[in-house]
Amino acid sequence: MRAGVQTVTAFDKEFQDQPDEIIFQTILAANFLDIKNLLELMCKKVADEIKKCKTPDDIRDRFNIRQDYTPEEVEEVKKAHPWIYDKNAK
């Protein structure tokens, strides 16, 4: 195990099983109150959810994020960063 990396206990997993709104509010509170372990635990939950997504659109769907870009702007991003949209990437 790497230094500073803690395992997630059964209690932690149960605690992480919250609606997104509660998770994000907990992240904000833990950051404000400087509770490092809680902040890392909840950020890990969000990171794990992002890892499950295959594309940026999947991330938007998972977290209910609306698309702010026009179709033209999306195409510019795809041209500038093709690796983001590469379906063969892991």
PDB file of N, CA and C in Angstrom:
ATOM      1  N   MET A   1       0.846  -1.173   0.000  1.00  0.00           N
ATOM      2  CA  MET A   1       0.000   0.000   0.000  1.00  0.00           C
ATOM      3  C   MET A   1       0.893   1.238   0.000  1.00  0.00           C
ATOM      4  N   ARG A   2       0.521   2.241  -0.803  1.00  0.00           N
ATOM      5  CA  ARG A   2       1.292   3.473  -0.882  1.00  0.00           C
ATOM      6  C   ARG A   2       1.129   4.275   0.404  1.00  0.00           C
ATOM      7  N   ALA A   3       2.145   5.070   0.691  1.00  0.00           N
ATOM      8  CA  ALA A   3       2.083   5.922   1.881  1.00  0.00           C
ATOM      9  C   ALA A   3       0.947   6.930   1.725  1.00  0.00           C
ATOM     10  N   GLY A   4       0.162   7.086   2.757  1.00  0.00           N
ATOM     11  CA  GLY A   4      -0.910   8.070   2.747  1.00  0.00           C
ATOM     12  C   GLY A   4      -2.219   7.563   2.163  1.00  0.00           C
ATOM     13  N   VAL A   5      -2.211   6.396   1.546  1.00  0.00           N
ATOM     14  CA  VAL A   5      -3.424   5.838   0.961  1.00  0.00           C
ATOM     15  C   VAL A   5      -4.039   4.861   1.958  1.00  0.00           C
ATOM     16  N   GLN A   6      -5.281   5.127   2.312  1.00  0.00           N
ATOM     17  CA  GLN A   6      -5.956   4.276   3.280  1.00  0.00           C
ATOM     18  C   GLN A   6      -6.968   3.390   2.562  1.00  0.00           C
ATOM     19  N   THR A   7      -7.200   2.220   3.125  1.00  0.00           N
ATOM     20  CA  THR A   7      -8.214   1.347   2.560  1.00  0.00           C
ATOM     21  C   THR A   7      -9.595   1.837   2.988  1.00  0.00           C
ATOM     22  N   VAL A   8     -10.579   1.516   2.169  1.00  0.00           N
ATOM     23  CA  VAL A   8     -11.949   1.911   2.470  1.00  0.00           C
ATOM     24  C   VAL A   8     -12.601   0.771   3.240  1.00  0.00           C
ATOM     25  N   THR A   9     -13.026   1.051   4.453  1.00  0.00           N
ATOM     26  CA  THR A   9     -13.635   0.031   5.303  1.00  0.00           C
ATOM     27  C   THR A   9     -15.102  -0.172   4.927  1.00  0.00           C
ATOM     28  N   ALA A  10     -15.702  -1.190   5.487  1.00  0.00           N
ATOM     29  CA  ALA A  10     -17.122  -1.457   5.246  1.00  0.00           C
ATOM     30  C   ALA A  10     -17.970  -0.274   5.708  1.00  0.00           C
ATOM     31  N   PHE A  11     -17.605   0.318   6.834  1.00  0.00           N
ATOM     32  CA  PHE A  11     -18.336   1.491   7.329  1.00  0.00           C
ATOM     33  C   PHE A  11     -18.221   2.637   6.337  1.00  0.00           C
ATOM     34  N   ASP A  12     -17.001   2.851   5.810  1.00  0.00           N
ATOM     35  CA  ASP A  12     -16.784   3.931   4.844  1.00  0.00           C
ATOM     36  C   ASP A  12     -17.646   3.731   3.605  1.00  0.00           C
ATOM     37  N   LYS A  13     -17.693   2.495   3.105  1.00  0.00           N
ATOM     38  CA  LYS A  13     -18.497   2.209   1.915  1.00  0.00           C
ATOM     39  C   LYS A  13     -19.975   2.483   2.177  1.00  0.00           C
ATOM     40  N   GLU A  14     -20.442   2.090   3.350  1.00  0.00           N
ATOM     41  CA  GLU A  14     -21.839   2.358   3.686  1.00  0.00           C
ATOM     42  C   GLU A  14     -22.079   3.857   3.817  1.00  0.00           C
ATOM     43  N   PHE A  15     -21.120   4.562   4.411  1.00  0.00           N
ATOM     44  CA  PHE A  15     -21.234   6.011   4.572  1.00  0.00           C
ATOM     45  C   PHE A  15     -21.239   6.709   3.212  1.00  0.00           C
ATOM     46  N   GLN A  16     -20.468   6.187   2.267  1.00  0.00           N
ATOM     47  CA  GLN A  16     -20.397   6.777   0.930  1.00  0.00           C
ATOM     48  C   GLN A  16     -21.683   6.564   0.138  1.00  0.00           C
ATOM     49  N   ASP A  17     -22.496   5.635   0.544  1.00  0.00           N
ATOM     50  CA  ASP A  17     -23.719   5.308  -0.191  1.00  0.00           C
ATOM     51  C   ASP A  17     -24.791   6.355   0.108  1.00  0.00           C
ATOM     52  N   GLN A  18     -24.618   7.516  -0.464  1.00  0.00           N
ATOM     53  CA  GLN A  18     -25.511   8.654  -0.262  1.00  0.00           C
ATOM     54  C   GLN A  18     -25.923   9.207  -1.626  1.00  0.00           C
ATOM     55  N   PRO A  19     -27.007   9.961  -1.668  1.00  0.00           N
ATOM     56  CA  PRO A  19     -27.359  10.653  -2.917  1.00  0.00           C
ATOM     57  C   PRO A  19     -26.264  11.671  -3.276  1.00  0.00           C
ATOM     58  N   ASP A  20     -26.148  11.979  -4.555  1.00  0.00           N
ATOM     59  CA  ASP A  20     -25.117  12.900  -5.018  1.00  0.00           C
ATOM     60  C   ASP A  20     -25.135  14.226  -4.253  1.00  0.00           C
ATOM     61  N   GLU A  21     -26.302  14.773  -4.021  1.00  0.00           N
ATOM     62  CA  GLU A  21     -26.397  16.065  -3.331  1.00  0.00           C
ATOM     63  C   GLU A  21     -25.734  16.006  -1.952  1.00  0.00           C
ATOM     64  N   ILE A  22     -25.961  14.931  -1.216  1.00  0.00           N
ATOM     65  CA  ILE A  22     -25.353  14.769   0.108  1.00  0.00           C
ATOM     66  C   ILE A  22     -23.840  14.615  -0.017  1.00  0.00           C
ATOM     67  N   ILE A  23     -23.396  13.849  -1.016  1.00  0.00           N
ATOM     68  CA  ILE A  23     -21.954  13.666  -1.222  1.00  0.00           C
ATOM     69  C   ILE A  23     -21.284  15.008  -1.479  1.00  0.00           C
ATOM     70  N   PHE A  24     -21.859  15.810  -2.376  1.00  0.00           N
ATOM     71  CA  PHE A  24     -21.240  17.091  -2.711  1.00  0.00           C
ATOM     72  C   PHE A  24     -21.306  18.079  -1.543  1.00  0.00           C
ATOM     73  N   GLN A  25     -22.383  18.053  -0.788  1.00  0.00           N
ATOM     74  CA  GLN A  25     -22.469  18.914   0.395  1.00  0.00           C
ATOM     75  C   GLN A  25     -21.450  18.481   1.453  1.00  0.00           C
ATOM     76  N   THR A  26     -21.249  17.181   1.587  1.00  0.00           N
ATOM     77  CA  THR A  26     -20.262  16.664   2.537  1.00  0.00           C
ATOM     78  C   THR A  26     -18.852  17.066   2.116  1.00  0.00           C
ATOM     79  N   ILE A  27     -18.574  17.010   0.813  1.00  0.00           N
ATOM     80  CA  ILE A  27     -17.267  17.449   0.313  1.00  0.00           C
ATOM     81  C   ILE A  27     -17.038  18.919   0.654  1.00  0.00           C
ATOM     82  N   LEU A  28     -18.031  19.752   0.416  1.00  0.00           N
ATOM     83  CA  LEU A  28     -17.894  21.180   0.730  1.00  0.00           C
ATOM     84  C   LEU A  28     -17.675  21.397   2.229  1.00  0.00           C
ATOM     85  N   ALA A  29     -18.436  20.697   3.049  1.00  0.00           N
ATOM     86  CA  ALA A  29     -18.309  20.851   4.502  1.00  0.00           C
ATOM     87  C   ALA A  29     -16.952  20.351   4.991  1.00  0.00           C
ATOM     88  N   ALA A  30     -16.523  19.200   4.502  1.00  0.00           N
ATOM     89  CA  ALA A  30     -15.233  18.641   4.921  1.00  0.00           C
ATOM     90  C   ALA A  30     -14.085  19.561   4.514  1.00  0.00           C
ATOM     91  N   ASN A  31     -14.198  20.157   3.342  1.00  0.00           N
ATOM     92  CA  ASN A  31     -13.179  21.100   2.894  1.00  0.00           C
ATOM     93  C   ASN A  31     -13.172  22.342   3.787  1.00  0.00           C
ATOM     94  N   PHE A  32     -14.356  22.888   4.043  1.00  0.00           N
ATOM     95  CA  PHE A  32     -14.460  24.090   4.878  1.00  0.00           C
ATOM     96  C   PHE A  32     -13.944  23.829   6.294  1.00  0.00           C
ATOM     97  N   LEU A  33     -14.280  22.676   6.849  1.00  0.00           N
ATOM     98  CA  LEU A  33     -13.886  22.343   8.220  1.00  0.00           C
ATOM     99  C   LEU A  33     -12.496  21.709   8.301  1.00  0.00           C
ATOM    100  N   ASP A  34     -11.870  21.533   7.139  1.00  0.00           N
ATOM    101  CA  ASP A  34     -10.521  20.961   7.050  1.00  0.00           C
ATOM    102  C   ASP A  34     -10.455  19.567   7.674  1.00  0.00           C
ATOM    103  N   ILE A  35     -11.417  18.722   7.286  1.00  0.00           N
ATOM    104  CA  ILE A  35     -11.439  17.332   7.736  1.00  0.00           C
ATOM    105  C   ILE A  35     -10.914  16.498   6.565  1.00  0.00           C
ATOM    106  N   LYS A  36      -9.608  16.339   6.525  1.00  0.00           N
ATOM    107  CA  LYS A  36      -8.921  15.752   5.376  1.00  0.00           C
ATOM    108  C   LYS A  36      -9.412  14.343   5.050  1.00  0.00           C
ATOM    109  N   ASN A  37      -9.529  13.477   6.036  1.00  0.00           N
ATOM    110  CA  ASN A  37      -9.934  12.092   5.776  1.00  0.00           C
ATOM    111  C   ASN A  37     -11.335  12.008   5.176  1.00  0.00           C
ATOM    112  N   LEU A  38     -12.252  12.813   5.684  1.00  0.00           N
ATOM    113  CA  LEU A  38     -13.614  12.814   5.155  1.00  0.00           C
ATOM    114  C   LEU A  38     -13.627  13.373   3.733  1.00  0.00           C
ATOM    115  N   LEU A  39     -12.883  14.431   3.498  1.00  0.00           N
ATOM    116  CA  LEU A  39     -12.794  15.021   2.167  1.00  0.00           C
ATOM    117  C   LEU A  39     -12.250  13.996   1.172  1.00  0.00           C
ATOM    118  N   GLU A  40     -11.174  13.308   1.541  1.00  0.00           N
ATOM    119  CA  GLU A  40     -10.591  12.303   0.654  1.00  0.00           C
ATOM    120  C   GLU A  40     -11.546  11.141   0.404  1.00  0.00           C
ATOM    121  N   LEU A  41     -12.254  10.706   1.438  1.00  0.00           N
ATOM    122  CA  LEU A  41     -13.197   9.601   1.302  1.00  0.00           C
ATOM    123  C   LEU A  41     -14.300   9.941   0.307  1.00  0.00           C
ATOM    124  N   MET A  42     -14.882  11.108   0.442  1.00  0.00           N
ATOM    125  CA  MET A  42     -15.994  11.472  -0.433  1.00  0.00           C
ATOM    126  C   MET A  42     -15.511  11.806  -1.843  1.00  0.00           C
ATOM    127  N   CYS A  43     -14.335  12.401  -1.963  1.00  0.00           N
ATOM    128  CA  CYS A  43     -13.775  12.653  -3.299  1.00  0.00           C
ATOM    129  C   CYS A  43     -13.452  11.337  -3.995  1.00  0.00           C
ATOM    130  N   LYS A  44     -13.021  10.346  -3.223  1.00  0.00           N
ATOM    131  CA  LYS A  44     -12.758   9.027  -3.796  1.00  0.00           C
ATOM    132  C   LYS A  44     -14.041   8.437  -4.359  1.00  0.00           C
ATOM    133  N   LYS A  45     -15.147   8.623  -3.673  1.00  0.00           N
ATOM    134  CA  LYS A  45     -16.441   8.140  -4.155  1.00  0.00           C
ATOM    135  C   LYS A  45     -16.774   8.773  -5.509  1.00  0.00           C
ATOM    136  N   VAL A  46     -16.590  10.079  -5.616  1.00  0.00           N
ATOM    137  CA  VAL A  46     -16.871  10.767  -6.875  1.00  0.00           C
ATOM    138  C   VAL A  46     -15.911  10.283  -7.965  1.00  0.00           C
ATOM    139  N   ALA A  47     -14.633  10.155  -7.628  1.00  0.00           N
ATOM    140  CA  ALA A  47     -13.649   9.680  -8.600  1.00  0.00           C
ATOM    141  C   ALA A  47     -13.990   8.272  -9.081  1.00  0.00           C
ATOM    142  N   ASP A  48     -14.425   7.409  -8.184  1.00  0.00           N
ATOM    143  CA  ASP A  48     -14.808   6.046  -8.569  1.00  0.00           C
ATOM    144  C   ASP A  48     -15.999   6.058  -9.522  1.00  0.00           C
ATOM    145  N   GLU A  49     -16.941   6.959  -9.285  1.00  0.00           N
ATOM    146  CA  GLU A  49     -18.099   7.072 -10.179  1.00  0.00           C
ATOM    147  C   GLU A  49     -17.662   7.575 -11.559  1.00  0.00           C
ATOM    148  N   ILE A  50     -16.729   8.508 -11.592  1.00  0.00           N
ATOM    149  CA  ILE A  50     -16.226   9.021 -12.869  1.00  0.00           C
ATOM    150  C   ILE A  50     -15.493   7.913 -13.631  1.00  0.00           C
ATOM    151  N   LYS A  51     -14.724   7.095 -12.909  1.00  0.00           N
ATOM    152  CA  LYS A  51     -13.985   5.997 -13.546  1.00  0.00           C
ATOM    153  C   LYS A  51     -14.914   5.009 -14.246  1.00  0.00           C
ATOM    154  N   LYS A  52     -16.128   4.868 -13.752  1.00  0.00           N
ATOM    155  CA  LYS A  52     -17.093   3.954 -14.360  1.00  0.00           C
ATOM    156  C   LYS A  52     -17.593   4.455 -15.712  1.00  0.00           C
ATOM    157  N   CYS A  53     -17.454   5.745 -15.953  1.00  0.00           N
ATOM    158  CA  CYS A  53     -17.955   6.352 -17.185  1.00  0.00           C
ATOM    159  C   CYS A  53     -16.945   6.160 -18.313  1.00  0.00           C
ATOM    160  N   LYS A  54     -17.451   5.926 -19.505  1.00  0.00           N
ATOM    161  CA  LYS A  54     -16.588   5.672 -20.669  1.00  0.00           C
ATOM    162  C   LYS A  54     -16.291   6.947 -21.465  1.00  0.00           C
ATOM    163  N   THR A  55     -17.220   7.893 -21.477  1.00  0.00           N
ATOM    164  CA  THR A  55     -17.064   9.096 -22.291  1.00  0.00           C
ATOM    165  C   THR A  55     -17.438  10.330 -21.472  1.00  0.00           C
ATOM    166  N   PRO A  56     -17.061  11.501 -21.960  1.00  0.00           N
ATOM    167  CA  PRO A  56     -17.499  12.724 -21.289  1.00  0.00           C
ATOM    168  C   PRO A  56     -19.031  12.827 -21.212  1.00  0.00           C
ATOM    169  N   ASP A  57     -19.707  12.338 -22.245  1.00  0.00           N
ATOM    170  CA  ASP A  57     -21.175  12.358 -22.212  1.00  0.00           C
ATOM    171  C   ASP A  57     -21.721  11.465 -21.099  1.00  0.00           C
ATOM    172  N   ASP A  58     -21.061  10.339 -20.859  1.00  0.00           N
ATOM    173  CA  ASP A  58     -21.465   9.461 -19.750  1.00  0.00           C
ATOM    174  C   ASP A  58     -21.320  10.184 -18.409  1.00  0.00           C
ATOM    175  N   ILE A  59     -20.241  10.951 -18.271  1.00  0.00           N
ATOM    176  CA  ILE A  59     -20.035  11.706 -17.028  1.00  0.00           C
ATOM    177  C   ILE A  59     -21.145  12.742 -16.867  1.00  0.00           C
ATOM    178  N   ARG A  60     -21.465  13.433 -17.967  1.00  0.00           N
ATOM    179  CA  ARG A  60     -22.545  14.430 -17.901  1.00  0.00           C
ATOM    180  C   ARG A  60     -23.863  13.781 -17.515  1.00  0.00           C
ATOM    181  N   ASP A  61     -24.147  12.629 -18.101  1.00  0.00           N
ATOM    182  CA  ASP A  61     -25.392  11.925 -17.773  1.00  0.00           C
ATOM    183  C   ASP A  61     -25.398  11.468 -16.316  1.00  0.00           C
ATOM    184  N   ARG A  62     -24.274  10.917 -15.858  1.00  0.00           N
ATOM    185  CA  ARG A  62     -24.196  10.383 -14.487  1.00  0.00           C
ATOM    186  C   ARG A  62     -24.420  11.463 -13.440  1.00  0.00           C
ATOM    187  N   PHE A  63     -23.839  12.661 -13.687  1.00  0.00           N
ATOM    188  CA  PHE A  63     -23.919  13.731 -12.694  1.00  0.00           C
ATOM    189  C   PHE A  63     -24.917  14.828 -13.071  1.00  0.00           C
ATOM    190  N   ASN A  64     -25.709  14.541 -14.103  1.00  0.00           N
ATOM    191  CA  ASN A  64     -26.747  15.490 -14.527  1.00  0.00           C
ATOM    192  C   ASN A  64     -26.161  16.877 -14.811  1.00  0.00           C
ATOM    193  N   ILE A  65     -25.105  16.901 -15.628  1.00  0.00           N
ATOM    194  CA  ILE A  65     -24.443  18.155 -15.995  1.00  0.00           C
ATOM    195  C   ILE A  65     -24.939  18.545 -17.377  1.00  0.00           C
ATOM    196  N   ARG A  66     -25.434  19.765 -17.494  1.00  0.00           N
ATOM    197  CA  ARG A  66     -25.946  20.192 -18.796  1.00  0.00           C
ATOM    198  C   ARG A  66     -24.792  20.629 -19.692  1.00  0.00           C
ATOM    199  N   GLN A  67     -24.996  20.482 -20.982  1.00  0.00           N
ATOM    200  CA  GLN A  67     -23.986  20.839 -21.982  1.00  0.00           C
ATOM    201  C   GLN A  67     -24.046  22.343 -22.227  1.00  0.00           C
ATOM    202  N   ASP A  68     -22.973  23.053 -21.900  1.00  0.00           N
ATOM    203  CA  ASP A  68     -22.920  24.500 -22.096  1.00  0.00           C
ATOM    204  C   ASP A  68     -22.354  24.888 -23.456  1.00  0.00           C
ATOM    205  N   TYR A  69     -21.719  23.945 -24.122  1.00  0.00           N
ATOM    206  CA  TYR A  69     -21.067  24.255 -25.389  1.00  0.00           C
ATOM    207  C   TYR A  69     -22.021  24.087 -26.563  1.00  0.00           C
ATOM    208  N   THR A  70     -21.800  24.895 -27.583  1.00  0.00           N
ATOM    209  CA  THR A  70     -22.537  24.732 -28.829  1.00  0.00           C
ATOM    210  C   THR A  70     -21.936  23.538 -29.562  1.00  0.00           C
ATOM    211  N   PRO A  71     -22.639  22.983 -30.527  1.00  0.00           N
ATOM    212  CA  PRO A  71     -22.065  21.868 -31.298  1.00  0.00           C
ATOM    213  C   PRO A  71     -20.732  22.243 -31.962  1.00  0.00           C
ATOM    214  N   GLU A  72     -20.600  23.468 -32.377  1.00  0.00           N
ATOM    215  CA  GLU A  72     -19.352  23.918 -32.996  1.00  0.00           C
ATOM    216  C   GLU A  72     -18.205  23.913 -31.987  1.00  0.00           C
ATOM    217  N   GLU A  73     -18.492  24.362 -30.770  1.00  0.00           N
ATOM    218  CA  GLU A  73     -17.470  24.370 -29.722  1.00  0.00           C
ATOM    219  C   GLU A  73     -17.063  22.945 -29.339  1.00  0.00           C
ATOM    220  N   VAL A  74     -18.021  22.035 -29.331  1.00  0.00           N
ATOM    221  CA  VAL A  74     -17.724  20.632 -29.031  1.00  0.00           C
ATOM    222  C   VAL A  74     -16.778  20.070 -30.089  1.00  0.00           C
ATOM    223  N   GLU A  75     -17.033  20.379 -31.343  1.00  0.00           N
ATOM    224  CA  GLU A  75     -16.167  19.902 -32.424  1.00  0.00           C
ATOM    225  C   GLU A  75     -14.747  20.463 -32.281  1.00  0.00           C
ATOM    226  N   GLU A  76     -14.631  21.720 -31.867  1.00  0.00           N
ATOM    227  CA  GLU A  76     -13.305  22.308 -31.642  1.00  0.00           C
ATOM    228  C   GLU A  76     -12.553  21.555 -30.550  1.00  0.00           C
ATOM    229  N   VAL A  77     -13.236  21.226 -29.479  1.00  0.00           N
ATOM    230  CA  VAL A  77     -12.613  20.483 -28.382  1.00  0.00           C
ATOM    231  C   VAL A  77     -12.200  19.097 -28.861  1.00  0.00           C
ATOM    232  N   LYS A  78     -13.060  18.448 -29.633  1.00  0.00           N
ATOM    233  CA  LYS A  78     -12.736  17.116 -30.155  1.00  0.00           C
ATOM    234  C   LYS A  78     -11.499  17.155 -31.036  1.00  0.00           C
ATOM    235  N   LYS A  79     -11.361  18.205 -31.840  1.00  0.00           N
ATOM    236  CA  LYS A  79     -10.185  18.334 -32.706  1.00  0.00           C
ATOM    237  C   LYS A  79      -8.936  18.632 -31.891  1.00  0.00           C
ATOM    238  N   ALA A  80      -9.068  19.472 -30.879  1.00  0.00           N
ATOM    239  CA  ALA A  80      -7.916  19.859 -30.060  1.00  0.00           C
ATOM    240  C   ALA A  80      -7.467  18.728 -29.128  1.00  0.00           C
ATOM    241  N   HIS A  81      -8.412  17.894 -28.675  1.00  0.00           N
ATOM    242  CA  HIS A  81      -8.115  16.828 -27.714  1.00  0.00           C
ATOM    243  C   HIS A  81      -8.777  15.517 -28.149  1.00  0.00           C
ATOM    244  N   PRO A  82      -8.320  14.930 -29.253  1.00  0.00           N
ATOM    245  CA  PRO A  82      -8.993  13.723 -29.762  1.00  0.00           C
ATOM    246  C   PRO A  82      -8.932  12.531 -28.815  1.00  0.00           C
ATOM    247  N   TRP A  83      -7.920  12.480 -27.960  1.00  0.00           N
ATOM    248  CA  TRP A  83      -7.790  11.345 -27.028  1.00  0.00           C
ATOM    249  C   TRP A  83      -8.953  11.262 -26.052  1.00  0.00           C
ATOM    250  N   ILE A  84      -9.608  12.376 -25.781  1.00  0.00           N
ATOM    251  CA  ILE A  84     -10.747  12.372 -24.852  1.00  0.00           C
ATOM    252  C   ILE A  84     -11.888  11.533 -25.424  1.00  0.00           C
ATOM    253  N   TYR A  85     -12.060  11.609 -26.727  1.00  0.00           N
ATOM    254  CA  TYR A  85     -13.193  10.959 -27.363  1.00  0.00           C
ATOM    255  C   TYR A  85     -12.819   9.651 -28.044  1.00  0.00           C
ATOM    256  N   ASP A  86     -11.586   9.183 -27.853  1.00  0.00           N
ATOM    257  CA  ASP A  86     -11.133   7.943 -28.463  1.00  0.00           C
ATOM    258  C   ASP A  86     -11.842   6.772 -27.795  1.00  0.00           C
ATOM    259  N   LYS A  87     -12.674   6.086 -28.541  1.00  0.00           N
ATOM    260  CA  LYS A  87     -13.450   4.982 -27.990  1.00  0.00           C
ATOM    261  C   LYS A  87     -12.596   3.759 -27.667  1.00  0.00           C
ATOM    262  N   ASN A  88     -11.383   3.693 -28.209  1.00  0.00           N
ATOM    263  CA  ASN A  88     -10.501   2.559 -27.950  1.00  0.00           C
ATOM    264  C   ASN A  88      -9.658   2.747 -26.693  1.00  0.00           C
ATOM    265  N   ALA A  89      -9.645   3.968 -26.164  1.00  0.00           N
ATOM    266  CA  ALA A  89      -8.854   4.235 -24.951  1.00  0.00           C
ATOM    267  C   ALA A  89      -9.527   3.600 -23.750  1.00  0.00           C
ATOM    268  N   LYS A  90      -8.712   3.266 -22.766  1.00  0.00           N
ATOM    269  CA  LYS A  90      -9.247   2.652 -21.539  1.00  0.00           C
ATOM    270  C   LYS A  90      -9.721   3.693 -20.587  1.00  0.00           C
TER     271      LYS A  90
END
